[in-house]
C-alpha atoms as a PDB file:
ATOM      1  CA  MET A   1      19.952 -20.062 -22.072  1.00  0.00           C
ATOM      2  CA  MET A   2      20.497 -20.820 -18.440  1.00  0.00           C
ATOM      3  CA  THR A   3      18.211 -23.189 -16.528  1.00  0.00           C
ATOM      4  CA  GLU A   4      16.905 -22.569 -13.032  1.00  0.00           C
ATOM      5  CA  GLN A   5      19.335 -25.125 -11.584  1.00  0.00           C
ATOM      6  CA  GLU A   6      22.295 -23.528 -13.351  1.00  0.00           C
ATOM      7  CA  LEU A   7      21.209 -20.121 -12.054  1.00  0.00           C
ATOM      8  CA  LEU A   8      20.918 -21.404  -8.485  1.00  0.00           C
ATOM      9  CA  GLU A   9      24.421 -22.868  -8.748  1.00  0.00           C
ATOM     10  CA  THR A  10      25.687 -19.509 -10.050  1.00  0.00           C
ATOM     11  CA  LEU A  11      24.025 -17.788  -7.074  1.00  0.00           C
ATOM     12  CA  ALA A  12      25.740 -20.125  -4.597  1.00  0.00           C
ATOM     13  CA  GLY A  13      27.908 -17.302  -3.239  1.00  0.00           C
ATOM     14  CA  TYR A  14      24.830 -15.298  -2.247  1.00  0.00           C
ATOM     15  CA  PRO A  15      22.435 -16.287   0.534  1.00  0.00           C
ATOM     16  CA  PHE A  16      18.850 -16.784  -0.642  1.00  0.00           C
ATOM     17  CA  GLU A  17      15.653 -18.595   0.273  1.00  0.00           C
ATOM     18  CA  ARG A  18      13.696 -20.512  -2.371  1.00  0.00           C
ATOM     19  CA  HIS A  19       9.932 -21.012  -2.055  1.00  0.00           C
ATOM     20  CA  GLU A  20       7.964 -23.187  -4.486  1.00  0.00           C
ATOM     21  CA  HIS A  21       4.393 -22.370  -5.511  1.00  0.00           C
ATOM     22  CA  PRO A  22       2.006 -22.965  -8.418  1.00  0.00           C
ATOM     23  CA  ALA A  23       2.766 -21.122 -11.659  1.00  0.00           C
ATOM     24  CA  VAL A  24       1.952 -17.404 -11.456  1.00  0.00           C
ATOM     25  CA  PHE A  25       1.781 -14.895 -14.285  1.00  0.00           C
ATOM     26  CA  THR A  26       1.318 -11.591 -12.453  1.00  0.00           C
ATOM     27  CA  SER A  27       2.666 -10.012  -9.298  1.00  0.00           C
ATOM     28  CA  GLU A  28      -0.898 -10.023  -7.929  1.00  0.00           C
ATOM     29  CA  ALA A  29      -1.156 -13.791  -8.417  1.00  0.00           C
ATOM     30  CA  ALA A  30       2.238 -14.320  -6.792  1.00  0.00           C
ATOM     31  CA  ASP A  31       1.068 -12.398  -3.716  1.00  0.00           C
ATOM     32  CA  LYS A  32      -1.420 -15.180  -2.967  1.00  0.00           C
ATOM     33  CA  PHE A  33       1.516 -17.507  -2.325  1.00  0.00           C
ATOM     34  CA  THR A  34       4.247 -15.151  -1.128  1.00  0.00           C
ATOM     35  CA  SER A  35       2.591 -12.355   0.876  1.00  0.00           C
ATOM     36  CA  HIS A  36       3.543 -14.056   4.154  1.00  0.00           C
ATOM     37  CA  LEU A  37       7.252 -14.070   3.233  1.00  0.00           C
ATOM     38  CA  ARG A  38       9.665 -11.398   4.385  1.00  0.00           C
ATOM     39  CA  GLY A  39      10.739  -8.780   1.905  1.00  0.00           C
ATOM     40  CA  VAL A  40       9.036  -6.886  -0.880  1.00  0.00           C
ATOM     41  CA  PRO A  41       7.537  -8.460  -3.996  1.00  0.00           C
ATOM     42  CA  THR A  42       8.870  -7.057  -7.254  1.00  0.00           C
ATOM     43  CA  LYS A  43       7.231  -6.524 -10.619  1.00  0.00           C
ATOM     44  CA  ASN A  44       9.458  -6.915 -13.675  1.00  0.00           C
ATOM     45  CA  LEU A  45       8.425  -5.247 -16.913  1.00  0.00           C
ATOM     46  CA  PHE A  46      10.133  -6.197 -20.172  1.00  0.00           C
ATOM     47  CA  LEU A  47       9.757  -3.106 -22.341  1.00  0.00           C
ATOM     48  CA  ARG A  48      10.651  -1.916 -25.816  1.00  0.00           C
ATOM     49  CA  ASP A  49      10.432   1.412 -27.556  1.00  0.00           C
ATOM     50  CA  LYS A  50       8.180   2.038 -30.540  1.00  0.00           C
ATOM     51  CA  LYS A  51      10.956   1.385 -33.086  1.00  0.00           C
ATOM     52  CA  LYS A  52      12.143  -1.802 -31.323  1.00  0.00           C
ATOM     53  CA  LYS A  53      15.647  -0.369 -30.998  1.00  0.00           C
ATOM     54  CA  ASN A  54      15.738  -0.127 -27.205  1.00  0.00           C
ATOM     55  CA  TYR A  55      14.852  -2.960 -24.852  1.00  0.00           C
ATOM     56  CA  LEU A  56      14.575  -2.429 -21.122  1.00  0.00           C
ATOM     57  CA  LEU A  57      13.902  -4.428 -18.002  1.00  0.00           C
ATOM     58  CA  LEU A  58      12.201  -2.302 -15.361  1.00  0.00           C
ATOM     59  CA  VAL A  59      12.039  -3.607 -11.785  1.00  0.00           C
ATOM     60  CA  VAL A  60       9.603  -1.978  -9.351  1.00  0.00           C
ATOM     61  CA  ARG A  61       7.653  -2.825  -6.202  1.00  0.00           C
ATOM     62  CA  GLY A  62       4.943  -5.355  -6.945  1.00  0.00           C
ATOM     63  CA  ASP A  63       2.165  -2.914  -6.088  1.00  0.00           C
ATOM     64  CA  LYS A  64       3.441   0.016  -8.159  1.00  0.00           C
ATOM     65  CA  ARG A  65       1.376   1.217 -11.147  1.00  0.00           C
ATOM     66  CA  VAL A  66       3.962   2.582 -13.559  1.00  0.00           C
ATOM     67  CA  ASP A  67       3.226   5.538 -15.830  1.00  0.00           C
ATOM     68  CA  LEU A  68       5.000   4.185 -18.919  1.00  0.00           C
ATOM     69  CA  ALA A  69       4.358   7.333 -20.961  1.00  0.00           C
ATOM     70  CA  GLN A  70       6.108   9.514 -18.382  1.00  0.00           C
ATOM     71  CA  PHE A  71       8.844   6.912 -17.882  1.00  0.00           C
ATOM     72  CA  SER A  72       9.484   7.053 -21.666  1.00  0.00           C
ATOM     73  CA  ARG A  73       9.626  10.845 -21.710  1.00  0.00           C
ATOM     74  CA  ASP A  74      11.997  10.871 -18.723  1.00  0.00           C
ATOM     75  CA  ARG A  75      14.396   8.589 -20.651  1.00  0.00           C
ATOM     76  CA  GLY A  76      14.080  10.400 -23.986  1.00  0.00           C
ATOM     77  CA  LEU A  77      12.570   7.333 -25.655  1.00  0.00           C
ATOM     78  CA  SER A  78       9.699   7.015 -28.062  1.00  0.00           C
ATOM     79  CA  ARG A  79       6.822   5.571 -26.078  1.00  0.00           C
ATOM     80  CA  VAL A  80       7.708   2.244 -24.476  1.00  0.00           C
ATOM     81  CA  SER A  81       5.335  -0.683 -24.197  1.00  0.00           C
ATOM     82  CA  LEU A  82       5.555  -4.305 -23.176  1.00  0.00           C
ATOM     83  CA  GLY A  83       7.833  -6.361 -25.396  1.00  0.00           C
ATOM     84  CA  SER A  84       6.500  -9.414 -27.205  1.00  0.00           C
ATOM     85  CA  PRO A  85       6.823 -12.909 -25.726  1.00  0.00           C
ATOM     86  CA  GLU A  86       9.098 -13.769 -28.670  1.00  0.00           C
ATOM     87  CA  ASP A  87      11.448 -10.849 -27.980  1.00  0.00           C
ATOM     88  CA  LEU A  88      11.362 -11.649 -24.272  1.00  0.00           C
ATOM     89  CA  PHE A  89      12.515 -15.208 -24.890  1.00  0.00           C
ATOM     90  CA  GLU A  90      15.087 -14.191 -27.491  1.00  0.00           C
ATOM     91  CA  LYS A  91      16.653 -11.490 -25.301  1.00  0.00           C
ATOM     92  CA  LEU A  92      16.245 -12.815 -21.741  1.00  0.00           C
ATOM     93  CA  GLY A  93      15.509 -16.525 -22.164  1.00  0.00           C
ATOM     94  CA  VAL A  94      12.291 -16.482 -20.143  1.00  0.00           C
ATOM     95  CA  THR A  95       8.575 -16.622 -20.872  1.00  0.00           C
ATOM     96  CA  PRO A  96       5.812 -14.284 -19.665  1.00  0.00           C
ATOM     97  CA  GLY A  97       5.270 -14.739 -15.945  1.00  0.00           C
ATOM     98  CA  SER A  98       8.918 -15.679 -15.382  1.00  0.00           C
ATOM     99  CA  VAL A  99      10.457 -12.254 -15.998  1.00  0.00           C
ATOM    100  CA  THR A 100      12.956 -11.459 -13.263  1.00  0.00           C
ATOM    101  CA  ILE A 101      15.883  -9.193 -12.531  1.00  0.00           C
ATOM    102  CA  LEU A 102      17.980 -12.377 -12.668  1.00  0.00           C
ATOM    103  CA  SER A 103      17.110 -12.980 -16.338  1.00  0.00           C
ATOM    104  CA  VAL A 104      19.769 -10.464 -17.394  1.00  0.00           C
ATOM    105  CA  ILE A 105      22.207 -13.351 -16.974  1.00  0.00           C
ATOM    106  CA  ASN A 106      20.830 -14.640 -20.304  1.00  0.00           C
ATOM    107  CA  ASP A 107      21.414 -11.342 -22.141  1.00  0.00           C
ATOM    108  CA  GLN A 108      24.910 -12.170 -23.349  1.00  0.00           C
ATOM    109  CA  ASN A 109      24.849  -9.459 -26.035  1.00  0.00           C
ATOM    110  CA  GLY A 110      23.907  -6.626 -23.693  1.00  0.00           C
ATOM    111  CA  GLN A 111      20.756  -5.740 -25.620  1.00  0.00           C
ATOM    112  CA  VAL A 112      18.600  -5.040 -22.558  1.00  0.00           C
ATOM    113  CA  ARG A 113      19.166  -2.098 -20.226  1.00  0.00           C
ATOM    114  CA  LEU A 114      18.270  -2.690 -16.581  1.00  0.00           C
ATOM    115  CA  PHE A 115      16.386  -0.032 -14.621  1.00  0.00           C
ATOM    116  CA  VAL A 116      15.498  -0.461 -10.945  1.00  0.00           C
ATOM    117  CA  ASP A 117      13.093   1.806  -9.115  1.00  0.00           C
ATOM    118  CA  SER A 118      14.906   3.761  -6.418  1.00  0.00           C
ATOM    119  CA  ASP A 119      11.992   2.986  -4.050  1.00  0.00           C
ATOM    120  CA  LEU A 120      13.378  -0.560  -3.804  1.00  0.00           C
ATOM    121  CA  SER A 121      16.614   0.709  -2.273  1.00  0.00           C
ATOM    122  CA  GLN A 122      14.667   1.244   0.955  1.00  0.00           C
ATOM    123  CA  GLU A 123      13.891  -2.483   1.184  1.00  0.00           C
ATOM    124  CA  ASP A 124      16.321  -5.045   2.597  1.00  0.00           C
ATOM    125  CA  PHE A 125      14.925  -8.173   0.927  1.00  0.00           C
ATOM    126  CA  TRP A 126      13.390  -8.493  -2.530  1.00  0.00           C
ATOM    127  CA  HIS A 127      11.332 -11.291  -4.084  1.00  0.00           C
ATOM    128  CA  CYS A 128      12.275 -12.492  -7.565  1.00  0.00           C
ATOM    129  CA  HIS A 129      11.757 -15.546  -9.749  1.00  0.00           C
ATOM    130  CA  PRO A 130      14.669 -17.913 -10.497  1.00  0.00           C
ATOM    131  CA  LEU A 131      13.955 -17.851 -14.289  1.00  0.00           C
ATOM    132  CA  VAL A 132      10.716 -19.827 -13.730  1.00  0.00           C
ATOM    133  CA  ASN A 133       7.344 -18.743 -12.371  1.00  0.00           C
ATOM    134  CA  THR A 134       6.896 -21.742 -10.065  1.00  0.00           C
ATOM    135  CA  ALA A 135       9.253 -20.468  -7.376  1.00  0.00           C
ATOM    136  CA  THR A 136      10.229 -17.243  -5.667  1.00  0.00           C
ATOM    137  CA  LEU A 137      13.638 -16.378  -4.285  1.00  0.00           C
ATOM    138  CA  ILE A 138      14.159 -13.980  -1.412  1.00  0.00           C
ATOM    139  CA  MET A 139      17.488 -12.186  -1.578  1.00  0.00           C
ATOM    140  CA  LYS A 140      18.979  -9.032  -0.184  1.00  0.00           C
ATOM    141  CA  GLY A 141      18.488  -6.234  -2.679  1.00  0.00           C
ATOM    142  CA  GLU A 142      22.147  -5.273  -2.431  1.00  0.00           C
ATOM    143  CA  HIS A 143      23.143  -8.837  -3.354  1.00  0.00           C
ATOM    144  CA  LEU A 144      20.829  -8.813  -6.369  1.00  0.00           C
ATOM    145  CA  LEU A 145      22.367  -5.549  -7.544  1.00  0.00           C
ATOM    146  CA  GLU A 146      25.882  -6.961  -7.058  1.00  0.00           C
ATOM    147  CA  PHE A 147      24.945 -10.099  -8.974  1.00  0.00           C
ATOM    148  CA  VAL A 148      23.471  -8.303 -11.995  1.00  0.00           C
ATOM    149  CA  GLU A 149      26.590  -6.165 -12.154  1.00  0.00           C
ATOM    150  CA  THR A 150      28.686  -9.354 -12.428  1.00  0.00           C
ATOM    151  CA  CYS A 151      26.436 -10.211 -15.405  1.00  0.00           C
ATOM    152  CA  SER A 152      27.524  -6.948 -17.095  1.00  0.00           C
ATOM    153  CA  HIS A 153      24.142  -5.360 -16.355  1.00  0.00           C
ATOM    154  CA  PRO A 154      24.653  -2.679 -13.724  1.00  0.00           C
ATOM    155  CA  ALA A 155      21.269  -1.419 -12.615  1.00  0.00           C
ATOM    156  CA  GLN A 156      20.380   2.183 -13.304  1.00  0.00           C
ATOM    157  CA  MET A 157      18.525   3.349 -10.200  1.00  0.00           C
ATOM    158  CA  VAL A 158      15.725   5.685 -11.286  1.00  0.00           C
ATOM    159  CA  ASN A 159      12.649   7.386  -9.902  1.00  0.00           C
ATOM    160  CA  VAL A 160       9.758   5.622 -11.598  1.00  0.00           C
ATOM    161  CA  PRO A 161       6.598   7.689 -12.118  1.00  0.00           C
ATOM    162  CA  VAL A 162       3.254   6.278 -11.048  1.00  0.00           C
ATOM    163  CA  VAL A 163      -0.092   6.509 -12.774  1.00  0.00           C
ATOM    164  CA  SER A 164      -2.144   9.199 -11.080  1.00  0.00           C
ATOM    165  CA  GLU A 165      -5.909   9.308 -10.769  1.00  0.00           C
ATOM    166  CA  ASN A 166      -5.993  12.039 -13.432  1.00  0.00           C
ATOM    167  CA  SER A 167      -3.588  10.549 -15.982  1.00  0.00           C
ATOM    168  CA  ARG A 168      -4.841   8.574 -18.941  1.00  0.00           C
ATOM    169  CA  GLU A 169      -3.098   5.849 -20.887  1.00  0.00           C
ATOM    170  CA  GLY A 170      -2.887   6.335 -24.632  1.00  0.00           C
END
C-alpha cells in the first residue's frame, strides 16, 4: 500500500496545496481546521452492499447528508452501508478518518467502484486527505478526476440523493 510521501511524489505533476492539522475522523471535525481554506470540503464514504459483493467509494460535499437507501435503489444494489474498517484497509489501504478519493490508487484489483456527486463538478477546488487524516490537500477537481482515471478508476458522476426531513433510515 502506498504511503503519503509516495502519493505526493506520484501527484507531482498536479498542483496542490498541503495543510497539516491534528487527526480528524469526520468531515465536521476537519472543518474546524480547514474551513478557512479555499475550495469545498469533501466527504468520502466507503460502502458495501448487503452481500459484500459490491464495494463503492462515494465522494460528496462535506455537508451533504446522503440518503443511502435511495442511492442503493438508484444503482440497483441491495441496500448499501458503510464498509468495515478491515475491508476498508484491505481494499483501499487506509483507516477510518483517512478515506479519500485518492485512496483508489491502492485498489490494484479494481474491486471498488468510484462515484462522485455531480454537485462537486460546480466547484473548482476540492479538499481531500493524502491517505492520512493529519493533512488536507487542496486540488482542482478536474485534476483529481484526471488522476483517479490514471489509477484505472474513472469516476462515475452521479446525482446523489439527500436525506429529507420526512425520510427515515432503516
